[in-house]
Amino acid sequence: QELENKLIQTLQTDPRFLSARQMLAELYVKNGQKQKALECLKQGLRFVELQRNNDAYLYQTAMLALELGDLKTHSFAMKTMGQNMTYDMGRTRAGYRPAAKPLQSLNTLQKAP
């Protein structure tokens, strides 16, 4: 309970802190609250395009979404992860990595039938 409160407080201060979201989601899963864990991860999807090295976050979100039958979120996370891989393979010798362009906005994902 204390760890959960600290993580929630951290996310209130910085909602873009994806590592804290992952830890909170893992805590929810361990406590049998998988739907709550997925909602926590889904709230962070709007920030994944702003950060690099977010594949672990996307994978965790995709797998939990699939387990809970949320195929739209699963598809969004997997496509975004695949897009990141495409950009990683296209790096220049200098190590430049262009910013990932969103496949679709989270708002579009949530409004889709």
Protein backbone atom coordinates (compact mmCIF):
# COMPACT_ATOMS: atom_id res chain seq x y z
CA GLN A 1 0.00 0.00 0.00
CA GLU A 2 2.83 2.39 0.84
CA LEU A 3 4.63 1.67 -2.44
CA GLU A 4 1.38 2.13 -4.38
CA ASN A 5 0.81 5.52 -2.74
CA LYS A 6 4.35 6.66 -3.51
CA LEU A 7 4.06 5.61 -7.15
CA ILE A 8 0.70 7.37 -7.52
CA GLN A 9 2.18 10.50 -5.96
CA THR A 10 5.13 10.29 -8.37
CA LEU A 11 2.77 10.04 -11.34
CA GLN A 12 0.76 13.00 -10.11
CA THR A 13 3.98 15.00 -10.14
CA ASP A 14 5.19 13.65 -13.50
CA PRO A 15 2.64 11.64 -15.51
CA ARG A 16 5.30 11.01 -18.20
CA PHE A 17 7.42 8.87 -15.85
CA LEU A 18 6.86 5.56 -17.65
CA SER A 19 9.04 3.49 -15.32
CA ALA A 20 6.82 4.46 -12.40
CA ARG A 21 3.75 3.50 -14.47
CA GLN A 22 5.29 0.12 -15.21
CA MET A 23 6.07 -0.50 -11.56
CA LEU A 24 2.56 0.52 -10.50
CA ALA A 25 1.03 -1.72 -13.16
CA GLU A 26 3.17 -4.65 -12.02
CA LEU A 27 2.03 -4.04 -8.45
CA TYR A 28 -1.61 -4.06 -9.58
CA VAL A 29 -1.09 -7.31 -11.50
CA LYS A 30 0.51 -8.95 -8.46
CA ASN A 31 -2.52 -7.89 -6.42
CA GLY A 32 -4.91 -9.40 -8.98
CA GLN A 33 -6.03 -6.01 -10.35
CA LYS A 34 -5.18 -6.58 -14.01
CA GLN A 35 -7.81 -4.21 -15.40
CA LYS A 36 -6.52 -1.42 -13.15
CA ALA A 37 -2.98 -2.22 -14.34
CA LEU A 38 -4.04 -1.94 -17.98
CA GLU A 39 -5.75 1.41 -17.36
CA CYS A 40 -2.56 2.69 -15.71
CA LEU A 41 -0.50 1.62 -18.73
CA LYS A 42 -3.01 3.00 -21.24
CA GLN A 43 -2.79 6.43 -19.58
CA GLY A 44 0.91 6.46 -20.38
CA LEU A 45 0.55 5.57 -24.07
CA ARG A 46 0.17 9.23 -24.96
CA PHE A 47 3.73 9.82 -23.72
CA VAL A 48 5.59 6.93 -25.36
CA GLU A 49 6.27 8.88 -28.55
CA LEU A 50 8.05 11.57 -26.55
CA GLN A 51 10.64 9.16 -25.16
CA ARG A 52 13.17 6.73 -26.54
CA ASN A 53 13.66 3.17 -25.40
CA ASN A 54 10.01 2.61 -24.61
CA ASP A 55 9.70 -0.86 -26.14
CA ALA A 56 9.50 -2.61 -22.75
CA TYR A 57 6.60 -0.34 -21.79
CA LEU A 58 4.85 -0.94 -25.10
CA TYR A 59 5.37 -4.70 -24.86
CA GLN A 60 4.03 -4.87 -21.30
CA THR A 61 0.99 -2.84 -22.35
CA ALA A 62 0.41 -4.97 -25.46
CA MET A 63 0.61 -8.30 -23.62
CA LEU A 64 -1.66 -7.25 -20.76
CA ALA A 65 -4.15 -5.76 -23.22
CA LEU A 66 -4.17 -9.01 -25.20
CA GLU A 67 -4.70 -11.06 -22.04
CA LEU A 68 -7.66 -8.87 -21.08
CA GLY A 69 -9.13 -8.86 -24.59
CA ASP A 70 -8.43 -5.18 -25.38
CA LEU A 71 -7.36 -5.73 -28.97
CA LYS A 72 -7.32 -2.03 -29.93
CA THR A 73 -4.76 -1.18 -27.26
CA HIS A 74 -2.78 -4.33 -28.07
CA SER A 75 -2.65 -3.41 -31.76
CA PHE A 76 -1.70 0.22 -31.06
CA ALA A 77 1.17 -0.79 -28.75
CA MET A 78 2.51 -3.44 -31.12
CA LYS A 79 2.37 -1.15 -34.17
CA THR A 80 4.13 1.63 -32.29
CA MET A 81 6.78 -0.80 -31.11
CA GLY A 82 7.25 -2.04 -34.70
CA GLN A 83 7.57 1.51 -35.95
CA ASN A 84 10.31 2.17 -33.38
CA MET A 85 12.18 -0.91 -34.63
CA THR A 86 11.99 0.41 -38.20
CA TYR A 87 13.53 3.71 -37.13
CA ASP A 88 16.24 1.92 -35.13
CA MET A 89 17.28 -0.09 -38.18
CA GLY A 90 17.47 3.10 -40.25
CA ARG A 91 19.97 4.95 -38.08
CA THR A 92 22.83 6.80 -39.74
CA ARG A 93 26.47 6.14 -38.91
CA ALA A 94 26.44 9.13 -36.59
CA GLY A 95 23.76 7.45 -34.50
CA TYR A 96 21.01 9.90 -35.38
CA ARG A 97 17.55 8.54 -34.74
CA PRO A 98 14.65 10.55 -36.16
CA ALA A 99 11.74 11.13 -33.83
CA ALA A 100 9.04 8.51 -34.22
CA LYS A 101 5.91 9.75 -35.92
CA PRO A 102 2.68 8.60 -34.32
CA LEU A 103 0.79 5.91 -36.21
CA GLN A 104 -2.42 7.31 -34.84
CA SER A 105 -3.29 9.36 -31.84
CA LEU A 106 -4.50 7.73 -28.66
CA ASN A 107 -7.70 9.75 -29.04
CA THR A 108 -8.33 8.08 -32.40
CA LEU A 109 -7.64 4.71 -30.81
CA GLN A 110 -10.13 5.32 -28.01
CA LYS A 111 -12.85 6.62 -30.34
CA ALA A 112 -12.57 3.77 -32.85
CA PRO A 113 -15.53 1.36 -32.84
